[in-house]
Amino acid sequence: MLETLIASLEKCPIVKRGEYDYFIHPITDGIPSVHPTLLRDVACGMIRALDLDQVDLIVVAEAMGIHIGTTLSLMTDLPFTIVRKRWYGLPGEIAVHQTTGYSKGGLYMNGVQKEDRVAIVDDVISTGGTMMALIGALNVAGAEIVDICVAFQRGTPDIGRPYKALVRVDVSPSRVTVLDTYF
């Protein structure tokens, strides 16, 4: 099921960001180009992993969740909203402050209503900083988080609730190793 995704990891370059070994992949960085077969592989895996029967809205974080959310939305007919890096000042906008293993920043959530049933999807979870910030903002909005799925899990971040990862990886200075898969 995830053959294209797993095979693509073998070619990933690794760069240092401080002490952090960062893998560069089409799903996590858009580099090199993102092929439709890879997007379909990720989306089909997430559709199989997620409990979408109870979901009204898919929630993604800018930037690398956007292509996953778009593909999932097109395949499931579920709407999605993007938690953006830009403040708009719209009524009900919720600021999301995130800290990851290699960056800090602000995100802004719009378009989530009280009692929306949501699935959060993202490209990778490594420290859990972005995911915990999204969960906090969704709780403030009064949404019900039905399910969470990421394409890649690096390490064992605890976000205070269960989540699913299509592929669990280890990253060394020279390569990405697939530890296991969801399917």
N, C-alpha and C. Protein backbone atom coordinates (compact mmCIF):
# COMPACT_ATOMS: atom_id res chain seq x y z
N MET A 1 0.82 -1.21 0.00
CA MET A 1 0.00 0.00 0.00
C MET A 1 0.85 1.27 0.00
N LEU A 2 1.93 1.28 0.77
CA LEU A 2 2.75 2.48 0.90
C LEU A 2 4.09 2.33 0.19
N GLU A 3 4.13 1.51 -0.84
CA GLU A 3 5.39 1.20 -1.52
C GLU A 3 6.07 2.45 -2.07
N THR A 4 5.32 3.30 -2.75
CA THR A 4 5.90 4.51 -3.34
C THR A 4 6.46 5.42 -2.26
N LEU A 5 5.73 5.56 -1.18
CA LEU A 5 6.18 6.41 -0.07
C LEU A 5 7.45 5.86 0.56
N ILE A 6 7.48 4.58 0.83
CA ILE A 6 8.65 3.96 1.45
C ILE A 6 9.86 4.04 0.53
N ALA A 7 9.67 3.73 -0.74
CA ALA A 7 10.78 3.79 -1.71
C ALA A 7 11.34 5.20 -1.82
N SER A 8 10.48 6.20 -1.73
CA SER A 8 10.94 7.59 -1.86
C SER A 8 11.84 8.01 -0.70
N LEU A 9 11.70 7.37 0.44
CA LEU A 9 12.52 7.72 1.61
C LEU A 9 13.98 7.33 1.44
N GLU A 10 14.24 6.32 0.62
CA GLU A 10 15.61 5.85 0.42
C GLU A 10 16.48 6.89 -0.28
N LYS A 11 15.87 7.85 -0.95
CA LYS A 11 16.60 8.84 -1.74
C LYS A 11 16.73 10.19 -1.03
N CYS A 12 16.24 10.29 0.18
CA CYS A 12 16.18 11.59 0.87
C CYS A 12 17.56 12.13 1.23
N PRO A 13 17.85 13.37 0.86
CA PRO A 13 19.05 14.01 1.41
C PRO A 13 18.79 14.42 2.86
N ILE A 14 19.85 14.49 3.64
CA ILE A 14 19.78 14.90 5.04
C ILE A 14 20.60 16.19 5.17
N VAL A 15 20.03 17.20 5.84
CA VAL A 15 20.76 18.43 6.11
C VAL A 15 20.72 18.69 7.61
N LYS A 16 21.72 19.38 8.10
CA LYS A 16 21.77 19.76 9.51
C LYS A 16 21.09 21.10 9.71
N ARG A 17 20.22 21.18 10.70
CA ARG A 17 19.66 22.45 11.17
C ARG A 17 20.01 22.53 12.64
N GLY A 18 21.11 23.18 12.95
CA GLY A 18 21.63 23.15 14.31
C GLY A 18 22.07 21.73 14.62
N GLU A 19 21.53 21.15 15.67
CA GLU A 19 21.85 19.76 16.04
C GLU A 19 20.86 18.78 15.44
N TYR A 20 19.91 19.26 14.66
CA TYR A 20 18.80 18.47 14.15
C TYR A 20 19.11 17.96 12.75
N ASP A 21 19.08 16.63 12.56
CA ASP A 21 19.22 16.03 11.23
C ASP A 21 17.85 16.08 10.56
N TYR A 22 17.73 16.88 9.51
CA TYR A 22 16.46 17.15 8.85
C TYR A 22 16.44 16.43 7.51
N PHE A 23 15.43 15.57 7.28
CA PHE A 23 15.35 14.90 5.99
C PHE A 23 14.48 15.70 5.04
N ILE A 24 14.92 15.76 3.79
CA ILE A 24 14.22 16.54 2.77
C ILE A 24 13.50 15.56 1.85
N HIS A 25 12.19 15.72 1.76
CA HIS A 25 11.35 14.76 1.05
C HIS A 25 10.23 15.53 0.34
N PRO A 26 9.72 15.02 -0.79
CA PRO A 26 8.64 15.73 -1.48
C PRO A 26 7.42 16.00 -0.60
N ILE A 27 7.06 15.09 0.27
CA ILE A 27 5.88 15.29 1.13
C ILE A 27 6.15 16.32 2.21
N THR A 28 7.36 16.35 2.76
CA THR A 28 7.67 17.26 3.86
C THR A 28 8.20 18.61 3.40
N ASP A 29 8.70 18.69 2.17
CA ASP A 29 9.34 19.92 1.71
C ASP A 29 9.00 20.33 0.29
N GLY A 30 8.35 19.44 -0.47
CA GLY A 30 8.07 19.75 -1.87
C GLY A 30 9.31 19.68 -2.75
N ILE A 31 10.37 19.05 -2.26
CA ILE A 31 11.64 18.94 -2.97
C ILE A 31 12.04 17.47 -3.03
N PRO A 32 12.44 16.87 -4.14
CA PRO A 32 12.21 17.47 -5.45
C PRO A 32 10.71 17.51 -5.72
N SER A 33 10.28 17.49 -6.94
CA SER A 33 8.86 17.64 -7.25
C SER A 33 8.00 16.57 -6.58
N VAL A 34 6.76 16.94 -6.31
CA VAL A 34 5.81 16.03 -5.67
C VAL A 34 5.02 15.33 -6.79
N HIS A 35 5.22 14.03 -6.91
CA HIS A 35 4.55 13.27 -7.97
C HIS A 35 3.15 12.84 -7.52
N PRO A 36 2.19 12.82 -8.44
CA PRO A 36 0.83 12.42 -8.11
C PRO A 36 0.74 11.04 -7.48
N THR A 37 1.58 10.11 -7.91
CA THR A 37 1.53 8.75 -7.32
C THR A 37 1.89 8.78 -5.84
N LEU A 38 2.83 9.65 -5.48
CA LEU A 38 3.22 9.78 -4.07
C LEU A 38 2.09 10.39 -3.25
N LEU A 39 1.44 11.43 -3.78
CA LEU A 39 0.31 12.04 -3.08
C LEU A 39 -0.85 11.05 -2.92
N ARG A 40 -1.12 10.29 -3.99
CA ARG A 40 -2.19 9.27 -3.90
C ARG A 40 -1.84 8.21 -2.87
N ASP A 41 -0.59 7.80 -2.82
CA ASP A 41 -0.15 6.80 -1.85
C ASP A 41 -0.42 7.30 -0.43
N VAL A 42 -0.03 8.54 -0.15
CA VAL A 42 -0.25 9.12 1.18
C VAL A 42 -1.74 9.26 1.45
N ALA A 43 -2.49 9.82 0.51
CA ALA A 43 -3.93 10.04 0.72
C ALA A 43 -4.67 8.72 0.90
N CYS A 44 -4.37 7.72 0.08
CA CYS A 44 -5.03 6.41 0.23
C CYS A 44 -4.70 5.79 1.58
N GLY A 45 -3.45 5.92 2.00
CA GLY A 45 -3.08 5.41 3.32
C GLY A 45 -3.83 6.11 4.43
N MET A 46 -3.95 7.42 4.33
CA MET A 46 -4.67 8.18 5.36
C MET A 46 -6.16 7.86 5.35
N ILE A 47 -6.73 7.69 4.17
CA ILE A 47 -8.15 7.33 4.11
C ILE A 47 -8.39 5.99 4.79
N ARG A 48 -7.48 5.06 4.62
CA ARG A 48 -7.60 3.76 5.28
C ARG A 48 -7.37 3.86 6.79
N ALA A 49 -6.48 4.75 7.20
CA ALA A 49 -6.12 4.85 8.62
C ALA A 49 -7.11 5.68 9.43
N LEU A 50 -7.65 6.73 8.84
CA LEU A 50 -8.51 7.67 9.57
C LEU A 50 -9.95 7.17 9.69
N ASP A 51 -10.61 7.59 10.77
CA ASP A 51 -12.03 7.34 10.95
C ASP A 51 -12.79 8.55 10.39
N LEU A 52 -12.96 8.57 9.07
CA LEU A 52 -13.55 9.74 8.41
C LEU A 52 -15.07 9.73 8.41
N ASP A 53 -15.69 8.65 8.80
CA ASP A 53 -17.16 8.59 8.82
C ASP A 53 -17.77 9.63 9.75
N GLN A 54 -17.05 10.00 10.78
CA GLN A 54 -17.56 10.95 11.77
C GLN A 54 -16.98 12.35 11.61
N VAL A 55 -16.28 12.62 10.49
CA VAL A 55 -15.56 13.87 10.31
C VAL A 55 -16.35 14.83 9.40
N ASP A 56 -16.42 16.11 9.81
CA ASP A 56 -17.03 17.18 9.03
C ASP A 56 -15.99 18.00 8.28
N LEU A 57 -14.76 18.04 8.81
CA LEU A 57 -13.75 18.98 8.34
C LEU A 57 -12.35 18.41 8.55
N ILE A 58 -11.52 18.55 7.54
CA ILE A 58 -10.10 18.19 7.66
C ILE A 58 -9.34 19.47 8.00
N VAL A 59 -8.43 19.39 8.97
CA VAL A 59 -7.62 20.53 9.39
C VAL A 59 -6.16 20.24 9.07
N VAL A 60 -5.51 21.18 8.37
CA VAL A 60 -4.10 21.04 8.02
C VAL A 60 -3.36 22.30 8.41
N ALA A 61 -2.05 22.16 8.61
CA ALA A 61 -1.20 23.31 8.92
C ALA A 61 -0.43 23.72 7.67
N GLU A 62 -0.30 25.02 7.49
CA GLU A 62 0.54 25.54 6.41
C GLU A 62 1.99 25.23 6.77
N ALA A 63 2.82 24.83 5.91
CA ALA A 63 2.60 24.80 4.49
C ALA A 63 2.45 23.37 3.99
N MET A 64 3.15 22.43 4.59
CA MET A 64 3.24 21.12 3.97
C MET A 64 2.04 20.21 4.23
N GLY A 65 1.08 20.66 4.99
CA GLY A 65 -0.17 19.91 5.10
C GLY A 65 -1.13 20.23 3.97
N ILE A 66 -0.88 21.33 3.25
CA ILE A 66 -1.84 21.80 2.25
C ILE A 66 -2.04 20.79 1.13
N HIS A 67 -0.98 20.28 0.57
CA HIS A 67 -1.14 19.34 -0.55
C HIS A 67 -1.78 18.03 -0.10
N ILE A 68 -1.51 17.61 1.12
CA ILE A 68 -2.15 16.40 1.65
C ILE A 68 -3.64 16.67 1.87
N GLY A 69 -3.97 17.81 2.48
CA GLY A 69 -5.37 18.17 2.70
C GLY A 69 -6.14 18.32 1.41
N THR A 70 -5.53 18.93 0.41
CA THR A 70 -6.19 19.09 -0.89
C THR A 70 -6.51 17.73 -1.50
N THR A 71 -5.53 16.85 -1.50
CA THR A 71 -5.73 15.51 -2.08
C THR A 71 -6.80 14.75 -1.33
N LEU A 72 -6.75 14.78 0.00
CA LEU A 72 -7.77 14.09 0.81
C LEU A 72 -9.16 14.67 0.56
N SER A 73 -9.26 15.98 0.49
CA SER A 73 -10.54 16.63 0.25
C SER A 73 -11.12 16.20 -1.10
N LEU A 74 -10.30 16.20 -2.13
CA LEU A 74 -10.76 15.79 -3.45
C LEU A 74 -11.20 14.33 -3.49
N MET A 75 -10.52 13.48 -2.72
CA MET A 75 -10.83 12.05 -2.73
C MET A 75 -12.02 11.68 -1.84
N THR A 76 -12.32 12.53 -0.83
CA THR A 76 -13.37 12.19 0.14
C THR A 76 -14.58 13.12 0.09
N ASP A 77 -14.47 14.22 -0.63
CA ASP A 77 -15.50 15.26 -0.67
C ASP A 77 -15.70 15.94 0.69
N LEU A 78 -14.71 15.86 1.56
CA LEU A 78 -14.75 16.59 2.83
C LEU A 78 -14.05 17.93 2.65
N PRO A 79 -14.62 19.00 3.19
CA PRO A 79 -13.92 20.29 3.11
C PRO A 79 -12.70 20.28 4.03
N PHE A 80 -11.77 21.19 3.74
CA PHE A 80 -10.63 21.32 4.64
C PHE A 80 -10.33 22.78 4.88
N THR A 81 -9.67 23.04 6.01
CA THR A 81 -9.23 24.40 6.33
C THR A 81 -7.75 24.36 6.63
N ILE A 82 -7.10 25.45 6.29
CA ILE A 82 -5.66 25.57 6.46
C ILE A 82 -5.37 26.50 7.63
N VAL A 83 -4.63 26.03 8.61
CA VAL A 83 -4.16 26.88 9.69
C VAL A 83 -2.94 27.60 9.11
N ARG A 84 -3.08 28.92 8.93
CA ARG A 84 -2.13 29.70 8.13
C ARG A 84 -1.07 30.38 8.97
N LYS A 85 0.01 30.75 8.32
CA LYS A 85 1.10 31.50 8.95
C LYS A 85 0.81 33.00 8.98
N ARG A 86 -0.26 33.40 8.34
CA ARG A 86 -0.60 34.82 8.23
C ARG A 86 -1.81 35.15 9.11
N TRP A 87 -1.73 36.28 9.81
CA TRP A 87 -2.84 36.78 10.61
C TRP A 87 -3.76 37.58 9.69
N TYR A 88 -5.06 37.30 9.77
CA TYR A 88 -6.05 38.01 8.97
C TYR A 88 -6.91 38.95 9.81
N GLY A 89 -7.01 38.68 11.10
CA GLY A 89 -7.84 39.52 11.96
C GLY A 89 -9.32 39.29 11.79
N LEU A 90 -9.69 38.12 11.30
CA LEU A 90 -11.11 37.80 11.12
C LEU A 90 -11.77 37.49 12.46
N PRO A 91 -13.09 37.70 12.57
CA PRO A 91 -13.78 37.36 13.82
C PRO A 91 -13.59 35.87 14.14
N GLY A 92 -13.23 35.59 15.38
CA GLY A 92 -13.06 34.20 15.82
C GLY A 92 -11.72 33.58 15.49
N GLU A 93 -10.83 34.35 14.87
CA GLU A 93 -9.50 33.82 14.53
C GLU A 93 -8.75 33.45 15.81
N ILE A 94 -8.10 32.29 15.79
CA ILE A 94 -7.38 31.80 16.97
C ILE A 94 -5.89 31.72 16.64
N ALA A 95 -5.07 32.37 17.46
CA ALA A 95 -3.61 32.32 17.28
C ALA A 95 -3.09 31.00 17.82
N VAL A 96 -2.19 30.39 17.06
CA VAL A 96 -1.59 29.10 17.42
C VAL A 96 -0.08 29.34 17.48
N HIS A 97 0.52 29.13 18.65
CA HIS A 97 1.97 29.32 18.79
C HIS A 97 2.62 27.95 18.84
N GLN A 98 3.59 27.74 17.94
CA GLN A 98 4.23 26.44 17.83
C GLN A 98 5.73 26.53 18.05
N THR A 99 6.29 25.47 18.63
CA THR A 99 7.72 25.31 18.75
C THR A 99 8.03 23.90 18.32
N THR A 100 8.92 23.76 17.33
CA THR A 100 9.32 22.44 16.85
C THR A 100 10.79 22.22 17.18
N GLY A 101 11.33 21.13 16.68
CA GLY A 101 12.74 20.82 16.91
C GLY A 101 13.68 21.76 16.18
N TYR A 102 13.16 22.52 15.22
CA TYR A 102 14.04 23.37 14.41
C TYR A 102 13.47 24.75 14.14
N SER A 103 12.28 25.08 14.70
CA SER A 103 11.74 26.41 14.45
C SER A 103 10.69 26.78 15.49
N LYS A 104 10.37 28.09 15.51
CA LYS A 104 9.27 28.62 16.32
C LYS A 104 8.46 29.52 15.41
N GLY A 105 7.17 29.63 15.69
CA GLY A 105 6.39 30.52 14.86
C GLY A 105 4.94 30.60 15.30
N GLY A 106 4.22 31.44 14.60
CA GLY A 106 2.80 31.61 14.86
C GLY A 106 1.99 31.13 13.68
N LEU A 107 0.85 30.54 13.99
CA LEU A 107 -0.13 30.14 12.99
C LEU A 107 -1.47 30.71 13.42
N TYR A 108 -2.40 30.81 12.47
CA TYR A 108 -3.70 31.41 12.77
C TYR A 108 -4.80 30.54 12.18
N MET A 109 -5.76 30.17 13.03
CA MET A 109 -6.83 29.27 12.63
C MET A 109 -8.12 30.04 12.41
N ASN A 110 -8.70 29.81 11.25
CA ASN A 110 -10.01 30.34 10.90
C ASN A 110 -10.83 29.19 10.31
N GLY A 111 -12.14 29.35 10.30
CA GLY A 111 -12.99 28.38 9.60
C GLY A 111 -13.37 27.15 10.39
N VAL A 112 -13.03 27.09 11.66
CA VAL A 112 -13.42 25.96 12.50
C VAL A 112 -14.49 26.46 13.47
N GLN A 113 -15.61 25.76 13.49
CA GLN A 113 -16.74 26.16 14.32
C GLN A 113 -16.88 25.24 15.53
N LYS A 114 -17.57 25.76 16.54
CA LYS A 114 -17.88 24.95 17.71
C LYS A 114 -18.64 23.70 17.27
N GLU A 115 -18.23 22.58 17.81
CA GLU A 115 -18.83 21.27 17.56
C GLU A 115 -18.49 20.69 16.18
N ASP A 116 -17.63 21.35 15.39
CA ASP A 116 -17.13 20.69 14.17
C ASP A 116 -16.39 19.42 14.60
N ARG A 117 -16.56 18.38 13.82
CA ARG A 117 -15.83 17.13 14.06
C ARG A 117 -14.71 17.07 13.03
N VAL A 118 -13.48 17.10 13.53
CA VAL A 118 -12.34 17.29 12.64
C VAL A 118 -11.36 16.13 12.68
N ALA A 119 -10.65 16.00 11.57
CA ALA A 119 -9.46 15.15 11.50
C ALA A 119 -8.29 16.07 11.19
N ILE A 120 -7.23 15.94 11.94
CA ILE A 120 -6.01 16.70 11.68
C ILE A 120 -5.09 15.81 10.85
N VAL A 121 -4.56 16.35 9.77
CA VAL A 121 -3.56 15.62 8.98
C VAL A 121 -2.36 16.53 8.76
N ASP A 122 -1.19 15.92 8.73
CA ASP A 122 0.04 16.69 8.51
C ASP A 122 1.08 15.80 7.87
N ASP A 123 2.17 16.42 7.48
CA ASP A 123 3.22 15.67 6.81
C ASP A 123 4.06 14.85 7.79
N VAL A 124 4.52 15.47 8.88
CA VAL A 124 5.43 14.78 9.79
C VAL A 124 5.19 15.24 11.22
N ILE A 125 5.41 14.34 12.14
CA ILE A 125 5.45 14.69 13.56
C ILE A 125 6.79 14.23 14.09
N SER A 126 7.51 15.16 14.73
CA SER A 126 8.81 14.78 15.30
C SER A 126 8.91 15.20 16.76
N THR A 127 8.64 16.44 17.06
CA THR A 127 8.63 16.87 18.46
C THR A 127 7.20 16.94 19.00
N GLY A 128 6.24 17.08 18.11
CA GLY A 128 4.84 17.22 18.52
C GLY A 128 4.43 18.66 18.75
N GLY A 129 5.35 19.61 18.58
CA GLY A 129 5.05 21.01 18.86
C GLY A 129 3.92 21.59 18.03
N THR A 130 3.96 21.37 16.74
CA THR A 130 2.89 21.88 15.87
C THR A 130 1.57 21.20 16.19
N MET A 131 1.59 19.90 16.37
CA MET A 131 0.36 19.16 16.63
C MET A 131 -0.28 19.58 17.95
N MET A 132 0.53 19.75 18.99
CA MET A 132 -0.03 20.18 20.27
C MET A 132 -0.63 21.58 20.17
N ALA A 133 0.00 22.45 19.38
CA ALA A 133 -0.56 23.79 19.18
C ALA A 133 -1.90 23.71 18.44
N LEU A 134 -1.99 22.86 17.43
CA LEU A 134 -3.25 22.69 16.70
C LEU A 134 -4.34 22.12 17.61
N ILE A 135 -3.99 21.13 18.40
CA ILE A 135 -4.96 20.53 19.32
C ILE A 135 -5.48 21.59 20.30
N GLY A 136 -4.57 22.40 20.83
CA GLY A 136 -4.98 23.46 21.75
C GLY A 136 -5.93 24.45 21.11
N ALA A 137 -5.63 24.86 19.88
CA ALA A 137 -6.49 25.81 19.18
C ALA A 137 -7.85 25.20 18.87
N LEU A 138 -7.88 23.94 18.48
CA LEU A 138 -9.16 23.27 18.20
C LEU A 138 -9.99 23.13 19.46
N ASN A 139 -9.34 22.89 20.58
CA ASN A 139 -10.06 22.84 21.86
C ASN A 139 -10.65 24.20 22.20
N VAL A 140 -9.89 25.27 21.97
CA VAL A 140 -10.40 26.63 22.21
C VAL A 140 -11.62 26.89 21.32
N ALA A 141 -11.57 26.42 20.08
CA ALA A 141 -12.68 26.64 19.14
C ALA A 141 -13.91 25.80 19.50
N GLY A 142 -13.72 24.78 20.35
CA GLY A 142 -14.84 23.91 20.71
C GLY A 142 -15.08 22.78 19.72
N ALA A 143 -14.09 22.50 18.89
CA ALA A 143 -14.22 21.41 17.92
C ALA A 143 -13.93 20.07 18.59
N GLU A 144 -14.46 19.02 18.01
CA GLU A 144 -14.18 17.66 18.48
C GLU A 144 -13.14 17.05 17.54
N ILE A 145 -12.01 16.66 18.08
CA ILE A 145 -10.97 16.01 17.28
C ILE A 145 -11.29 14.53 17.21
N VAL A 146 -11.69 14.08 16.04
CA VAL A 146 -12.07 12.69 15.84
C VAL A 146 -10.85 11.82 15.64
N ASP A 147 -9.88 12.31 14.87
CA ASP A 147 -8.72 11.49 14.52
C ASP A 147 -7.58 12.38 14.07
N ILE A 148 -6.36 11.83 14.14
CA ILE A 148 -5.15 12.52 13.72
C ILE A 148 -4.29 11.53 12.95
N CYS A 149 -3.74 11.98 11.81
CA CYS A 149 -2.84 11.13 11.04
C CYS A 149 -1.76 11.97 10.39
N VAL A 150 -0.54 11.45 10.41
CA VAL A 150 0.59 12.08 9.73
C VAL A 150 1.20 11.08 8.76
N ALA A 151 1.88 11.60 7.76
CA ALA A 151 2.56 10.70 6.82
C ALA A 151 3.76 10.05 7.50
N PHE A 152 4.56 10.84 8.23
CA PHE A 152 5.79 10.34 8.86
C PHE A 152 5.81 10.65 10.35
N GLN A 153 6.24 9.69 11.13
CA GLN A 153 6.50 9.90 12.55
C GLN A 153 7.98 9.69 12.78
N ARG A 154 8.60 10.68 13.39
CA ARG A 154 10.01 10.61 13.74
C ARG A 154 10.11 10.68 15.26
N GLY A 155 10.70 9.68 15.87
CA GLY A 155 10.77 9.64 17.33
C GLY A 155 9.45 9.18 17.90
N THR A 156 9.24 9.50 19.17
CA THR A 156 8.01 9.07 19.86
C THR A 156 7.37 10.25 20.59
N PRO A 157 6.99 11.29 19.86
CA PRO A 157 6.40 12.45 20.53
C PRO A 157 5.08 12.12 21.21
N ASP A 158 4.92 12.63 22.41
CA ASP A 158 3.68 12.46 23.16
C ASP A 158 2.88 13.76 23.02
N ILE A 159 1.73 13.66 22.38
CA ILE A 159 0.88 14.86 22.20
C ILE A 159 -0.35 14.81 23.09
N GLY A 160 -0.37 13.86 24.01
CA GLY A 160 -1.46 13.78 24.96
C GLY A 160 -2.69 13.05 24.45
N ARG A 161 -2.60 12.47 23.28
CA ARG A 161 -3.71 11.70 22.72
C ARG A 161 -3.16 10.81 21.61
N PRO A 162 -3.92 9.79 21.23
CA PRO A 162 -3.44 8.89 20.17
C PRO A 162 -3.42 9.58 18.80
N TYR A 163 -2.53 9.13 17.97
CA TYR A 163 -2.46 9.56 16.58
C TYR A 163 -1.91 8.41 15.75
N LYS A 164 -2.06 8.53 14.45
CA LYS A 164 -1.60 7.49 13.54
C LYS A 164 -0.53 8.06 12.63
N ALA A 165 0.42 7.23 12.27
CA ALA A 165 1.46 7.61 11.31
C ALA A 165 1.55 6.52 10.26
N LEU A 166 1.60 6.92 9.00
CA LEU A 166 1.70 5.93 7.94
C LEU A 166 3.04 5.21 7.98
N VAL A 167 4.11 5.97 8.25
CA VAL A 167 5.45 5.41 8.29
C VAL A 167 6.19 6.00 9.48
N ARG A 168 6.81 5.14 10.28
CA ARG A 168 7.65 5.60 11.39
C ARG A 168 9.10 5.49 10.95
N VAL A 169 9.85 6.59 11.10
CA VAL A 169 11.21 6.63 10.58
C VAL A 169 12.22 7.02 11.65
N ASP A 170 13.47 6.68 11.37
CA ASP A 170 14.61 7.15 12.14
C ASP A 170 15.49 7.90 11.15
N VAL A 171 16.06 9.02 11.58
CA VAL A 171 16.90 9.83 10.70
C VAL A 171 18.28 9.94 11.31
N SER A 172 19.29 9.50 10.55
CA SER A 172 20.68 9.63 10.96
C SER A 172 21.33 10.69 10.08
N PRO A 173 22.56 11.06 10.35
CA PRO A 173 23.20 12.07 9.49
C PRO A 173 23.35 11.62 8.03
N SER A 174 23.19 10.34 7.76
CA SER A 174 23.42 9.86 6.40
C SER A 174 22.20 9.26 5.70
N ARG A 175 21.12 8.93 6.47
CA ARG A 175 19.99 8.28 5.80
C ARG A 175 18.73 8.27 6.65
N VAL A 176 17.62 7.96 5.98
CA VAL A 176 16.34 7.73 6.65
C VAL A 176 16.12 6.23 6.66
N THR A 177 15.76 5.71 7.82
CA THR A 177 15.47 4.28 7.96
C THR A 177 14.00 4.12 8.32
N VAL A 178 13.28 3.28 7.58
CA VAL A 178 11.89 2.98 7.90
C VAL A 178 11.86 1.96 9.02
N LEU A 179 11.25 2.32 10.14
CA LEU A 179 11.17 1.41 11.29
C LEU A 179 9.95 0.51 11.19
N ASP A 180 8.80 1.08 10.81
CA ASP A 180 7.59 0.29 10.58
C ASP A 180 6.57 1.14 9.87
N THR A 181 5.47 0.48 9.46
CA THR A 181 4.40 1.16 8.74
C THR A 181 3.07 0.84 9.41
N TYR A 182 2.09 1.69 9.13
CA TYR A 182 0.76 1.50 9.70
C TYR A 182 0.09 0.26 9.14
N PHE A 183 0.36 -0.06 7.87
CA PHE A 183 -0.29 -1.21 7.23
C PHE A 183 0.69 -2.35 7.02
